[in-house]
């Protein structure tokens, strides 16, 4: 029986380990039109200095949106010349808007890095307590008194150990705009996500894209 419980405990730990996501949606806001992206042509833009990261995030999000019935395209394919690593002049901005409209784009989903937060984490393990009980017989000497009760068990414990590590949290903001509406009423949604110590670009991008797509098609 002990072996059965031990196996169940190990299985539960493995399930928790592999279902623990580094990407979390920490805040989400939507305007009055909850289905603003349905039935419209969507352009996915990732504002990133690194081209590889931009391609991966856009590709994964477009794939997830397409799987949910949303007609989406990557900006790096439609507008490979678009610069996202610097501020654009008004002339450049107007040219981009014109190109977007000429390609029949109705909605833009723009993701950008908002901030990076560094933190220090301390993981503490122990003590593990092991209690050994002795039978108590009331009426036979020590059983009724405090000291008799006190001496009826003892505790062993392992020492406390602490490990301190540094980490980074990346705060991303995903904004959705409907370009068919007036300029002061184009914002459809704002989704803030937190990525804690991303290990690989591929895993992080896929996890991020699934969560964003889920929020957009609610």
N, C-alpha and C. Protein backbone atom coordinates (compact mmCIF):
# COMPACT_ATOMS: atom_id res chain seq x y z
N UNK A 1 0.83 -1.21 0.00
CA UNK A 1 0.00 0.00 0.00
C UNK A 1 0.86 1.25 0.00
N UNK A 2 1.98 1.21 0.78
CA UNK A 2 2.87 2.36 0.82
C UNK A 2 3.46 2.64 -0.55
N UNK A 3 3.78 1.55 -1.29
CA UNK A 3 4.35 1.72 -2.62
C UNK A 3 3.35 2.36 -3.57
N UNK A 4 2.07 2.00 -3.42
CA UNK A 4 1.02 2.59 -4.25
C UNK A 4 0.93 4.07 -4.03
N UNK A 5 0.88 4.50 -2.75
CA UNK A 5 0.80 5.93 -2.43
C UNK A 5 2.04 6.66 -2.89
N UNK A 6 3.19 6.00 -2.81
CA UNK A 6 4.43 6.63 -3.26
C UNK A 6 4.39 6.89 -4.74
N UNK A 7 3.88 5.91 -5.53
CA UNK A 7 3.78 6.08 -6.99
C UNK A 7 2.80 7.19 -7.34
N UNK A 8 1.67 7.25 -6.60
CA UNK A 8 0.69 8.30 -6.85
C UNK A 8 1.29 9.67 -6.57
N UNK A 9 2.08 9.75 -5.49
CA UNK A 9 2.72 11.02 -5.14
C UNK A 9 3.69 11.47 -6.20
N UNK A 10 4.49 10.54 -6.73
CA UNK A 10 5.45 10.87 -7.79
C UNK A 10 4.74 11.31 -9.05
N UNK A 11 3.64 10.61 -9.41
CA UNK A 11 2.87 10.96 -10.60
C UNK A 11 2.29 12.35 -10.48
N UNK A 12 1.73 12.67 -9.30
CA UNK A 12 1.15 14.00 -9.09
C UNK A 12 2.21 15.08 -9.22
N UNK A 13 3.41 14.81 -8.72
CA UNK A 13 4.49 15.79 -8.82
C UNK A 13 4.89 16.01 -10.27
N UNK A 14 4.97 14.92 -11.05
CA UNK A 14 5.33 15.03 -12.47
C UNK A 14 4.28 15.83 -13.23
N UNK A 15 2.99 15.59 -12.95
CA UNK A 15 1.92 16.31 -13.62
C UNK A 15 1.98 17.79 -13.31
N UNK A 16 2.24 18.12 -12.05
CA UNK A 16 2.36 19.53 -11.66
C UNK A 16 3.55 20.16 -12.33
N UNK A 17 4.66 19.43 -12.40
CA UNK A 17 5.89 19.97 -12.99
C UNK A 17 5.70 20.31 -14.45
N UNK A 18 5.07 19.41 -15.22
CA UNK A 18 4.95 19.62 -16.66
C UNK A 18 3.76 20.48 -17.03
N UNK A 19 2.87 20.77 -16.08
CA UNK A 19 1.75 21.66 -16.36
C UNK A 19 1.97 23.05 -15.80
N UNK A 20 3.12 23.27 -15.20
CA UNK A 20 3.43 24.57 -14.64
C UNK A 20 3.94 25.48 -15.75
N UNK A 21 3.20 26.50 -16.07
CA UNK A 21 3.55 27.37 -17.19
C UNK A 21 4.32 28.59 -16.70
N UNK A 22 5.29 29.02 -17.53
CA UNK A 22 6.02 30.24 -17.20
C UNK A 22 5.29 31.48 -17.70
N UNK A 23 4.24 31.29 -18.51
CA UNK A 23 3.47 32.39 -19.08
C UNK A 23 2.12 32.50 -18.38
N UNK A 24 1.85 33.67 -17.81
CA UNK A 24 0.59 33.88 -17.11
C UNK A 24 -0.06 35.18 -17.59
N UNK A 25 -1.37 35.13 -17.83
CA UNK A 25 -2.13 36.36 -18.13
C UNK A 25 -2.45 37.04 -16.80
N UNK A 26 -1.89 38.21 -16.58
CA UNK A 26 -2.07 38.89 -15.29
C UNK A 26 -3.14 39.97 -15.34
N UNK A 27 -3.51 40.40 -16.55
CA UNK A 27 -4.55 41.42 -16.67
C UNK A 27 -5.13 41.39 -18.08
N UNK A 28 -6.43 41.59 -18.18
CA UNK A 28 -7.08 41.57 -19.48
C UNK A 28 -8.26 42.53 -19.49
N UNK A 29 -8.30 43.36 -20.53
CA UNK A 29 -9.40 44.31 -20.69
C UNK A 29 -9.95 44.20 -22.10
N UNK A 30 -11.27 44.24 -22.21
CA UNK A 30 -11.92 44.23 -23.51
C UNK A 30 -12.96 45.32 -23.58
N UNK A 31 -13.09 45.88 -24.78
CA UNK A 31 -14.10 46.90 -25.00
C UNK A 31 -15.49 46.29 -25.12
N UNK A 32 -16.42 47.06 -25.61
CA UNK A 32 -17.80 46.60 -25.72
C UNK A 32 -17.96 45.46 -26.71
N UNK A 33 -17.16 45.47 -27.78
CA UNK A 33 -17.27 44.42 -28.80
C UNK A 33 -16.36 43.26 -28.44
N UNK A 34 -16.92 42.25 -27.80
CA UNK A 34 -16.12 41.12 -27.33
C UNK A 34 -15.65 40.23 -28.47
N UNK A 35 -16.30 40.29 -29.62
CA UNK A 35 -15.90 39.45 -30.76
C UNK A 35 -15.39 40.34 -31.90
N UNK A 36 -14.53 41.29 -31.56
CA UNK A 36 -14.06 42.25 -32.54
C UNK A 36 -13.17 41.68 -33.62
N UNK A 37 -12.54 40.49 -33.40
CA UNK A 37 -11.63 39.94 -34.40
C UNK A 37 -12.31 38.89 -35.28
N UNK A 38 -13.49 38.46 -34.92
CA UNK A 38 -14.17 37.43 -35.70
C UNK A 38 -14.60 37.96 -37.06
N UNK A 39 -14.34 37.17 -38.10
CA UNK A 39 -14.77 37.53 -39.45
C UNK A 39 -13.99 38.66 -40.08
N UNK A 40 -12.83 38.99 -39.51
CA UNK A 40 -12.02 40.09 -40.05
C UNK A 40 -10.60 39.61 -40.33
N UNK A 41 -9.93 40.32 -41.23
CA UNK A 41 -8.55 40.00 -41.55
C UNK A 41 -7.63 40.63 -40.50
N UNK A 42 -6.81 39.79 -39.87
CA UNK A 42 -5.99 40.23 -38.73
C UNK A 42 -4.51 40.21 -39.10
N UNK A 43 -3.81 41.25 -38.72
CA UNK A 43 -2.36 41.32 -38.88
C UNK A 43 -1.71 41.20 -37.50
N UNK A 44 -0.82 40.24 -37.35
CA UNK A 44 -0.12 40.02 -36.08
C UNK A 44 1.27 40.65 -36.17
N UNK A 45 1.54 41.56 -35.22
CA UNK A 45 2.83 42.25 -35.18
C UNK A 45 3.47 42.03 -33.82
N UNK A 46 4.74 41.65 -33.82
CA UNK A 46 5.51 41.54 -32.59
C UNK A 46 6.65 42.54 -32.65
N UNK A 47 6.63 43.48 -31.73
CA UNK A 47 7.67 44.51 -31.70
C UNK A 47 8.85 43.98 -30.90
N UNK A 48 9.86 43.49 -31.62
CA UNK A 48 11.04 42.90 -30.98
C UNK A 48 12.29 43.28 -31.75
N UNK A 49 13.36 43.54 -31.01
CA UNK A 49 14.64 43.86 -31.65
C UNK A 49 15.21 42.64 -32.37
N UNK A 50 14.96 41.47 -31.79
CA UNK A 50 15.49 40.24 -32.35
C UNK A 50 14.54 39.71 -33.42
N UNK A 51 15.04 39.57 -34.65
CA UNK A 51 14.19 39.14 -35.77
C UNK A 51 13.69 37.71 -35.58
N UNK A 52 14.55 36.84 -35.03
CA UNK A 52 14.16 35.45 -34.81
C UNK A 52 12.99 35.37 -33.84
N UNK A 53 13.04 36.15 -32.77
CA UNK A 53 11.95 36.17 -31.80
C UNK A 53 10.67 36.70 -32.43
N UNK A 54 10.80 37.73 -33.25
CA UNK A 54 9.63 38.30 -33.93
C UNK A 54 8.96 37.26 -34.82
N UNK A 55 9.77 36.55 -35.61
CA UNK A 55 9.24 35.54 -36.53
C UNK A 55 8.54 34.42 -35.76
N UNK A 56 9.17 33.96 -34.68
CA UNK A 56 8.61 32.84 -33.93
C UNK A 56 7.30 33.21 -33.24
N UNK A 57 7.26 34.37 -32.58
CA UNK A 57 6.05 34.79 -31.88
C UNK A 57 4.90 35.04 -32.86
N UNK A 58 5.20 35.67 -33.98
CA UNK A 58 4.15 35.94 -34.97
C UNK A 58 3.63 34.65 -35.60
N UNK A 59 4.54 33.75 -35.93
CA UNK A 59 4.15 32.49 -36.56
C UNK A 59 3.25 31.66 -35.65
N UNK A 60 3.63 31.54 -34.38
CA UNK A 60 2.86 30.72 -33.44
C UNK A 60 1.49 31.33 -33.15
N UNK A 61 1.43 32.66 -33.01
CA UNK A 61 0.15 33.30 -32.72
C UNK A 61 -0.79 33.20 -33.93
N UNK A 62 -0.26 33.40 -35.13
CA UNK A 62 -1.08 33.27 -36.34
C UNK A 62 -1.63 31.86 -36.46
N UNK A 63 -0.80 30.87 -36.17
CA UNK A 63 -1.24 29.48 -36.24
C UNK A 63 -2.39 29.22 -35.26
N UNK A 64 -2.27 29.72 -34.05
CA UNK A 64 -3.32 29.52 -33.05
C UNK A 64 -4.61 30.25 -33.42
N UNK A 65 -4.48 31.45 -33.97
CA UNK A 65 -5.67 32.20 -34.39
C UNK A 65 -6.36 31.51 -35.57
N UNK A 66 -5.57 31.04 -36.53
CA UNK A 66 -6.13 30.32 -37.68
C UNK A 66 -6.87 29.06 -37.24
N UNK A 67 -6.31 28.36 -36.26
CA UNK A 67 -6.95 27.15 -35.75
C UNK A 67 -8.28 27.46 -35.06
N UNK A 68 -8.44 28.71 -34.62
CA UNK A 68 -9.69 29.12 -33.99
C UNK A 68 -10.61 29.86 -34.96
N UNK A 69 -10.35 29.74 -36.24
CA UNK A 69 -11.22 30.33 -37.25
C UNK A 69 -10.99 31.78 -37.55
N UNK A 70 -9.86 32.33 -37.10
CA UNK A 70 -9.53 33.74 -37.36
C UNK A 70 -8.55 33.82 -38.52
N UNK A 71 -8.84 34.64 -39.51
CA UNK A 71 -7.97 34.82 -40.66
C UNK A 71 -6.84 35.80 -40.30
N UNK A 72 -5.68 35.26 -39.95
CA UNK A 72 -4.57 36.09 -39.49
C UNK A 72 -3.33 35.89 -40.35
N UNK A 73 -2.49 36.93 -40.39
CA UNK A 73 -1.24 36.89 -41.17
C UNK A 73 -0.11 37.50 -40.35
N UNK A 74 1.12 37.09 -40.66
CA UNK A 74 2.30 37.61 -39.96
C UNK A 74 2.79 38.89 -40.63
N UNK A 75 3.20 39.85 -39.81
CA UNK A 75 3.70 41.11 -40.36
C UNK A 75 5.03 40.94 -41.06
N UNK A 76 5.86 39.99 -40.59
CA UNK A 76 7.18 39.83 -41.21
C UNK A 76 7.07 39.29 -42.63
N UNK A 77 5.94 38.68 -42.98
CA UNK A 77 5.72 38.20 -44.34
C UNK A 77 5.13 39.29 -45.24
N UNK A 78 4.11 39.99 -44.72
CA UNK A 78 3.47 41.03 -45.52
C UNK A 78 4.31 42.30 -45.61
N UNK A 79 4.99 42.61 -44.50
CA UNK A 79 5.78 43.86 -44.45
C UNK A 79 7.18 43.57 -43.91
N UNK A 80 8.01 42.87 -44.67
CA UNK A 80 9.36 42.53 -44.20
C UNK A 80 10.24 43.75 -43.97
N UNK A 81 9.90 44.86 -44.61
CA UNK A 81 10.71 46.08 -44.45
C UNK A 81 10.31 46.89 -43.24
N UNK A 82 9.24 46.50 -42.57
CA UNK A 82 8.75 47.27 -41.41
C UNK A 82 9.77 47.23 -40.27
N UNK A 83 10.18 48.40 -39.81
CA UNK A 83 11.13 48.49 -38.71
C UNK A 83 10.37 48.63 -37.40
N UNK A 84 10.70 47.76 -36.45
CA UNK A 84 9.99 47.76 -35.16
C UNK A 84 10.91 48.09 -33.99
N UNK A 85 12.18 48.33 -34.27
CA UNK A 85 13.15 48.55 -33.20
C UNK A 85 13.43 50.03 -32.92
N UNK A 86 12.71 50.92 -33.60
CA UNK A 86 12.93 52.35 -33.37
C UNK A 86 11.62 53.12 -33.54
N UNK A 87 11.62 54.34 -33.06
CA UNK A 87 10.45 55.20 -33.21
C UNK A 87 10.29 55.61 -34.67
N UNK A 88 9.06 55.60 -35.14
CA UNK A 88 8.79 55.95 -36.54
C UNK A 88 8.38 57.42 -36.66
N UNK A 89 8.79 58.02 -37.76
CA UNK A 89 8.36 59.39 -38.03
C UNK A 89 6.91 59.36 -38.50
N UNK A 90 6.27 60.51 -38.52
CA UNK A 90 4.88 60.58 -38.96
C UNK A 90 4.75 60.14 -40.42
N UNK A 91 5.75 60.47 -41.21
CA UNK A 91 5.72 60.08 -42.63
C UNK A 91 5.78 58.56 -42.77
N UNK A 92 6.66 57.93 -41.99
CA UNK A 92 6.79 56.47 -42.03
C UNK A 92 5.53 55.80 -41.50
N UNK A 93 4.96 56.38 -40.46
CA UNK A 93 3.75 55.84 -39.86
C UNK A 93 2.58 55.88 -40.84
N UNK A 94 2.45 56.99 -41.56
CA UNK A 94 1.38 57.12 -42.56
C UNK A 94 1.56 56.11 -43.69
N UNK A 95 2.81 55.88 -44.07
CA UNK A 95 3.09 54.92 -45.14
C UNK A 95 2.71 53.51 -44.71
N UNK A 96 3.02 53.17 -43.46
CA UNK A 96 2.68 51.84 -42.94
C UNK A 96 1.17 51.66 -42.88
N UNK A 97 0.46 52.69 -42.40
CA UNK A 97 -1.00 52.63 -42.34
C UNK A 97 -1.61 52.42 -43.72
N UNK A 98 -1.03 53.11 -44.68
CA UNK A 98 -1.53 53.00 -46.06
C UNK A 98 -1.32 51.59 -46.60
N UNK A 99 -0.12 51.03 -46.32
CA UNK A 99 0.19 49.68 -46.77
C UNK A 99 -0.71 48.65 -46.11
N UNK A 100 -0.98 48.85 -44.83
CA UNK A 100 -1.85 47.92 -44.09
C UNK A 100 -3.25 47.92 -44.68
N UNK A 101 -3.79 49.08 -44.92
CA UNK A 101 -5.13 49.19 -45.48
C UNK A 101 -5.21 48.64 -46.90
N UNK A 102 -4.15 48.86 -47.66
CA UNK A 102 -4.14 48.37 -49.04
C UNK A 102 -4.10 46.85 -49.11
N UNK A 103 -3.68 46.20 -48.03
CA UNK A 103 -3.65 44.74 -47.98
C UNK A 103 -4.93 44.17 -47.36
N UNK A 104 -5.92 45.03 -47.15
CA UNK A 104 -7.20 44.56 -46.65
C UNK A 104 -7.23 44.18 -45.19
N UNK A 105 -6.29 44.72 -44.40
CA UNK A 105 -6.22 44.40 -42.97
C UNK A 105 -7.27 45.22 -42.21
N UNK A 106 -8.06 44.53 -41.40
CA UNK A 106 -9.07 45.19 -40.58
C UNK A 106 -8.60 45.39 -39.14
N UNK A 107 -7.90 44.37 -38.61
CA UNK A 107 -7.52 44.36 -37.19
C UNK A 107 -6.02 44.11 -37.06
N UNK A 108 -5.39 44.83 -36.13
CA UNK A 108 -3.97 44.64 -35.83
C UNK A 108 -3.83 44.16 -34.39
N UNK A 109 -3.08 43.07 -34.20
CA UNK A 109 -2.75 42.57 -32.86
C UNK A 109 -1.26 42.82 -32.65
N UNK A 110 -0.95 43.77 -31.79
CA UNK A 110 0.43 44.22 -31.58
C UNK A 110 0.91 43.80 -30.20
N UNK A 111 2.02 43.06 -30.16
CA UNK A 111 2.64 42.65 -28.90
C UNK A 111 3.98 43.34 -28.74
N UNK A 112 4.21 43.91 -27.57
CA UNK A 112 5.47 44.60 -27.29
C UNK A 112 5.91 44.32 -25.86
N UNK A 113 7.22 44.34 -25.65
CA UNK A 113 7.78 44.17 -24.32
C UNK A 113 7.58 45.45 -23.53
N UNK A 114 6.89 45.35 -22.40
CA UNK A 114 6.59 46.53 -21.59
C UNK A 114 7.69 46.81 -20.58
N UNK A 115 8.19 45.75 -19.91
CA UNK A 115 9.25 45.94 -18.91
C UNK A 115 9.89 44.60 -18.57
N UNK A 116 11.06 44.66 -17.95
CA UNK A 116 11.77 43.49 -17.44
C UNK A 116 12.03 43.71 -15.96
N UNK A 117 11.60 42.77 -15.14
CA UNK A 117 11.77 42.88 -13.69
C UNK A 117 12.72 41.79 -13.21
N UNK A 118 13.79 42.20 -12.54
CA UNK A 118 14.72 41.24 -11.96
C UNK A 118 14.35 41.02 -10.50
N UNK A 119 14.51 39.77 -10.06
CA UNK A 119 14.16 39.47 -8.67
C UNK A 119 15.10 38.40 -8.12
N UNK A 120 15.11 38.30 -6.81
CA UNK A 120 15.90 37.29 -6.12
C UNK A 120 14.95 36.37 -5.37
N UNK A 121 15.13 35.07 -5.54
CA UNK A 121 14.24 34.09 -4.91
C UNK A 121 15.06 33.16 -4.04
N UNK A 122 14.55 32.88 -2.83
CA UNK A 122 15.20 31.96 -1.93
C UNK A 122 14.29 30.76 -1.69
N UNK A 123 14.78 29.58 -2.04
CA UNK A 123 14.05 28.34 -1.81
C UNK A 123 14.61 27.66 -0.56
N UNK A 124 13.74 27.37 0.37
CA UNK A 124 14.14 26.76 1.63
C UNK A 124 13.57 25.35 1.73
N UNK A 125 14.43 24.42 2.09
CA UNK A 125 13.99 23.04 2.29
C UNK A 125 14.29 22.60 3.71
N UNK A 126 13.43 21.72 4.24
CA UNK A 126 13.59 21.21 5.60
C UNK A 126 12.98 22.16 6.59
N UNK A 127 12.89 21.80 7.88
CA UNK A 127 13.26 20.45 8.33
C UNK A 127 12.16 19.44 8.05
N UNK A 128 12.57 18.19 7.86
CA UNK A 128 11.61 17.09 7.76
C UNK A 128 11.52 16.43 9.13
N UNK A 129 10.31 16.33 9.62
CA UNK A 129 10.11 15.80 10.96
C UNK A 129 9.73 14.33 10.92
N UNK A 130 10.32 13.58 11.82
CA UNK A 130 9.99 12.17 11.97
C UNK A 130 9.59 11.95 13.43
N UNK A 131 8.36 11.55 13.69
CA UNK A 131 7.86 11.39 15.04
C UNK A 131 7.82 9.90 15.41
N UNK A 132 8.37 9.60 16.55
CA UNK A 132 8.35 8.22 17.05
C UNK A 132 7.50 8.20 18.31
N UNK A 133 6.45 7.41 18.30
CA UNK A 133 5.51 7.36 19.42
C UNK A 133 5.77 6.11 20.26
N UNK A 134 5.61 6.31 21.55
CA UNK A 134 5.62 5.19 22.48
C UNK A 134 4.23 5.06 23.06
N UNK A 135 3.74 3.87 23.29
CA UNK A 135 2.39 3.71 23.85
C UNK A 135 2.32 4.29 25.25
N UNK A 136 1.21 4.94 25.58
CA UNK A 136 1.00 5.51 26.90
C UNK A 136 -0.09 4.73 27.61
N UNK A 137 0.17 4.35 28.80
CA UNK A 137 -0.81 3.62 29.59
C UNK A 137 -1.18 4.48 30.79
N UNK A 138 -2.31 5.12 30.75
CA UNK A 138 -2.73 5.98 31.84
C UNK A 138 -2.95 5.13 33.08
N UNK A 139 -2.42 5.62 34.16
CA UNK A 139 -2.55 4.89 35.41
C UNK A 139 -1.33 4.03 35.71
N UNK A 140 -0.38 3.99 34.78
CA UNK A 140 0.84 3.21 35.00
C UNK A 140 2.05 4.13 35.07
N UNK A 141 2.11 4.95 36.02
CA UNK A 141 3.30 5.78 36.23
C UNK A 141 3.25 7.07 35.48
N UNK A 142 4.06 7.17 34.40
CA UNK A 142 4.29 8.47 33.76
C UNK A 142 3.12 8.93 32.90
N UNK A 143 2.17 8.07 32.57
CA UNK A 143 1.18 8.40 31.56
C UNK A 143 0.34 9.60 31.87
N UNK A 144 0.02 9.87 33.19
CA UNK A 144 -0.90 10.96 33.51
C UNK A 144 -0.21 12.31 33.65
N UNK A 145 1.07 12.31 33.94
CA UNK A 145 1.76 13.56 34.18
C UNK A 145 2.30 14.19 32.91
N UNK A 146 2.56 15.52 32.99
CA UNK A 146 3.08 16.25 31.83
C UNK A 146 4.40 15.67 31.37
N UNK A 147 5.30 15.41 32.32
CA UNK A 147 6.62 14.92 31.92
C UNK A 147 6.55 13.51 31.37
N UNK A 148 5.60 12.75 31.89
CA UNK A 148 5.41 11.42 31.34
C UNK A 148 4.94 11.50 29.90
N UNK A 149 4.01 12.42 29.61
CA UNK A 149 3.52 12.61 28.25
C UNK A 149 4.64 13.13 27.36
N UNK A 150 5.41 14.10 27.90
CA UNK A 150 6.51 14.70 27.15
C UNK A 150 7.52 13.64 26.73
N UNK A 151 7.79 12.67 27.61
CA UNK A 151 8.80 11.65 27.32
C UNK A 151 8.25 10.48 26.49
N UNK A 152 6.98 10.60 26.09
CA UNK A 152 6.38 9.49 25.36
C UNK A 152 6.67 9.54 23.86
N UNK A 153 7.30 10.62 23.37
CA UNK A 153 7.68 10.69 21.95
C UNK A 153 8.90 11.58 21.79
N UNK A 154 9.56 11.45 20.69
CA UNK A 154 10.66 12.35 20.36
C UNK A 154 10.66 12.62 18.87
N UNK A 155 11.29 13.71 18.47
CA UNK A 155 11.26 14.17 17.08
C UNK A 155 12.69 14.29 16.55
N UNK A 156 12.91 13.74 15.36
CA UNK A 156 14.15 13.95 14.64
C UNK A 156 13.88 14.88 13.47
N UNK A 157 14.78 15.71 13.11
CA UNK A 157 14.58 16.59 11.95
C UNK A 157 15.88 16.79 11.20
N UNK A 158 15.73 17.04 9.88
CA UNK A 158 16.88 17.35 9.06
C UNK A 158 17.14 18.85 9.11
N UNK A 159 18.36 19.32 8.89
CA UNK A 159 18.65 20.75 8.97
C UNK A 159 18.01 21.54 7.84
N UNK A 160 17.78 22.83 8.09
CA UNK A 160 17.22 23.72 7.09
C UNK A 160 18.31 24.15 6.11
N UNK A 161 18.00 24.09 4.80
CA UNK A 161 18.93 24.55 3.78
C UNK A 161 18.23 25.57 2.89
N UNK A 162 18.96 26.58 2.47
CA UNK A 162 18.41 27.64 1.63
C UNK A 162 19.28 27.84 0.39
N UNK A 163 18.61 28.00 -0.76
CA UNK A 163 19.32 28.27 -2.02
C UNK A 163 18.74 29.54 -2.63
N UNK A 164 19.58 30.52 -2.88
CA UNK A 164 19.17 31.80 -3.43
C UNK A 164 19.53 31.87 -4.91
N UNK A 165 18.57 32.28 -5.73
CA UNK A 165 18.80 32.39 -7.17
C UNK A 165 18.19 33.68 -7.69
N UNK A 166 18.70 34.13 -8.81
CA UNK A 166 18.19 35.34 -9.45
C UNK A 166 17.34 34.97 -10.66
N UNK A 167 16.31 35.77 -10.91
CA UNK A 167 15.44 35.51 -12.04
C UNK A 167 14.98 36.78 -12.72
N UNK A 168 14.29 36.60 -13.85
CA UNK A 168 13.76 37.74 -14.60
C UNK A 168 12.32 37.47 -14.99
N UNK A 169 11.49 38.49 -14.88
CA UNK A 169 10.12 38.42 -15.35
C UNK A 169 9.95 39.42 -16.49
N UNK A 170 9.43 38.94 -17.61
CA UNK A 170 9.20 39.78 -18.77
C UNK A 170 7.70 40.10 -18.84
N UNK A 171 7.39 41.39 -18.83
CA UNK A 171 6.00 41.83 -18.89
C UNK A 171 5.70 42.26 -20.33
N UNK A 172 4.77 41.54 -20.96
CA UNK A 172 4.40 41.83 -22.35
C UNK A 172 2.98 42.39 -22.40
N UNK A 173 2.75 43.28 -23.35
CA UNK A 173 1.43 43.87 -23.52
C UNK A 173 0.97 43.62 -24.96
N UNK A 174 -0.21 43.04 -25.11
CA UNK A 174 -0.78 42.77 -26.42
C UNK A 174 -2.01 43.63 -26.63
N UNK A 175 -1.95 44.51 -27.62
CA UNK A 175 -3.03 45.45 -27.90
C UNK A 175 -3.70 45.08 -29.22
N UNK A 176 -5.02 45.13 -29.24
CA UNK A 176 -5.78 44.81 -30.45
C UNK A 176 -6.52 46.05 -30.93
N UNK A 177 -6.31 46.42 -32.20
CA UNK A 177 -6.92 47.61 -32.79
C UNK A 177 -7.79 47.24 -33.99
N UNK A 178 -8.94 47.86 -34.08
CA UNK A 178 -9.80 47.72 -35.26
C UNK A 178 -9.62 48.97 -36.11
N UNK A 179 -8.92 48.81 -37.24
CA UNK A 179 -8.58 49.96 -38.09
C UNK A 179 -9.77 50.48 -38.89
N UNK A 180 -10.88 49.76 -38.87
CA UNK A 180 -12.07 50.21 -39.60
C UNK A 180 -12.86 51.25 -38.80
N UNK A 181 -12.48 51.43 -37.54
CA UNK A 181 -13.20 52.37 -36.67
C UNK A 181 -12.47 53.72 -36.61
N UNK A 182 -13.13 54.76 -36.08
CA UNK A 182 -12.47 56.05 -35.90
C UNK A 182 -11.25 55.92 -34.99
N UNK A 183 -10.28 56.79 -35.17
CA UNK A 183 -9.00 56.69 -34.47
C UNK A 183 -9.14 56.62 -32.96
N UNK A 184 -10.12 57.34 -32.40
CA UNK A 184 -10.26 57.38 -30.94
C UNK A 184 -11.10 56.22 -30.40
N UNK A 185 -11.49 55.28 -31.26
CA UNK A 185 -12.32 54.17 -30.83
C UNK A 185 -11.84 52.83 -31.41
N UNK A 186 -10.55 52.76 -31.73
CA UNK A 186 -10.01 51.57 -32.38
C UNK A 186 -9.56 50.48 -31.41
N UNK A 187 -9.24 50.84 -30.19
CA UNK A 187 -8.71 49.87 -29.23
C UNK A 187 -9.79 48.88 -28.80
N UNK A 188 -9.56 47.59 -29.09
CA UNK A 188 -10.52 46.55 -28.75
C UNK A 188 -10.18 45.84 -27.44
N UNK A 189 -8.89 45.60 -27.21
CA UNK A 189 -8.50 44.87 -26.00
C UNK A 189 -7.05 45.14 -25.64
N UNK A 190 -6.76 44.92 -24.35
CA UNK A 190 -5.40 45.02 -23.83
C UNK A 190 -5.16 43.78 -22.96
N UNK A 191 -4.14 43.00 -23.29
CA UNK A 191 -3.83 41.79 -22.54
C UNK A 191 -2.39 41.90 -22.03
N UNK A 192 -2.22 41.81 -20.72
CA UNK A 192 -0.90 41.87 -20.12
C UNK A 192 -0.49 40.47 -19.66
N UNK A 193 0.67 40.03 -20.11
CA UNK A 193 1.17 38.71 -19.73
C UNK A 193 2.52 38.83 -19.03
N UNK A 194 2.78 37.86 -18.20
CA UNK A 194 4.04 37.82 -17.44
C UNK A 194 4.74 36.51 -17.75
N UNK A 195 5.99 36.60 -18.20
CA UNK A 195 6.79 35.42 -18.51
C UNK A 195 7.91 35.33 -17.49
N UNK A 196 7.89 34.28 -16.69
CA UNK A 196 8.85 34.12 -15.60
C UNK A 196 9.97 33.18 -16.03
N UNK A 197 11.17 33.72 -16.12
CA UNK A 197 12.36 32.93 -16.46
C UNK A 197 12.15 32.01 -17.66
N UNK A 198 11.91 32.56 -18.85
CA UNK A 198 11.71 31.70 -20.02
C UNK A 198 12.96 30.87 -20.31
N UNK A 199 12.74 29.57 -20.55
CA UNK A 199 13.88 28.68 -20.80
C UNK A 199 14.26 28.65 -22.28
N UNK A 200 13.27 28.43 -23.16
CA UNK A 200 13.55 28.37 -24.59
C UNK A 200 12.54 29.23 -25.33
N UNK A 201 12.94 29.77 -26.46
CA UNK A 201 12.08 30.62 -27.27
C UNK A 201 10.87 29.84 -27.78
N UNK A 202 11.10 28.61 -28.24
CA UNK A 202 10.03 27.82 -28.82
C UNK A 202 8.92 27.50 -27.84
N UNK A 203 9.28 26.99 -26.68
CA UNK A 203 8.28 26.62 -25.67
C UNK A 203 7.52 27.85 -25.19
N UNK A 204 8.26 28.94 -24.93
CA UNK A 204 7.64 30.16 -24.44
C UNK A 204 6.68 30.75 -25.47
N UNK A 205 7.09 30.77 -26.73
CA UNK A 205 6.25 31.33 -27.78
C UNK A 205 4.96 30.55 -27.96
N UNK A 206 5.05 29.23 -27.95
CA UNK A 206 3.85 28.39 -28.11
C UNK A 206 2.88 28.59 -26.94
N UNK A 207 3.42 28.62 -25.73
CA UNK A 207 2.58 28.81 -24.55
C UNK A 207 1.92 30.20 -24.57
N UNK A 208 2.71 31.21 -24.90
CA UNK A 208 2.20 32.58 -24.98
C UNK A 208 1.09 32.68 -26.03
N UNK A 209 1.32 32.11 -27.19
CA UNK A 209 0.36 32.21 -28.30
C UNK A 209 -0.97 31.55 -27.97
N UNK A 210 -0.92 30.41 -27.31
CA UNK A 210 -2.15 29.72 -26.92
C UNK A 210 -2.99 30.57 -25.97
N UNK A 211 -2.32 31.20 -25.02
CA UNK A 211 -3.04 32.00 -24.04
C UNK A 211 -3.62 33.27 -24.67
N UNK A 212 -2.87 33.91 -25.56
CA UNK A 212 -3.36 35.13 -26.21
C UNK A 212 -4.53 34.80 -27.13
N UNK A 213 -4.41 33.74 -27.91
CA UNK A 213 -5.48 33.34 -28.81
C UNK A 213 -6.75 33.03 -28.02
N UNK A 214 -6.60 32.36 -26.89
CA UNK A 214 -7.75 32.04 -26.04
C UNK A 214 -8.45 33.30 -25.56
N UNK A 215 -7.66 34.29 -25.19
CA UNK A 215 -8.24 35.57 -24.73
C UNK A 215 -8.96 36.30 -25.87
N UNK A 216 -8.39 36.26 -27.06
CA UNK A 216 -8.94 37.02 -28.18
C UNK A 216 -10.22 36.41 -28.74
N UNK A 217 -10.36 35.10 -28.64
CA UNK A 217 -11.55 34.46 -29.24
C UNK A 217 -12.63 34.14 -28.20
N UNK A 218 -12.49 34.63 -26.98
CA UNK A 218 -13.51 34.41 -25.94
C UNK A 218 -14.84 35.00 -26.37
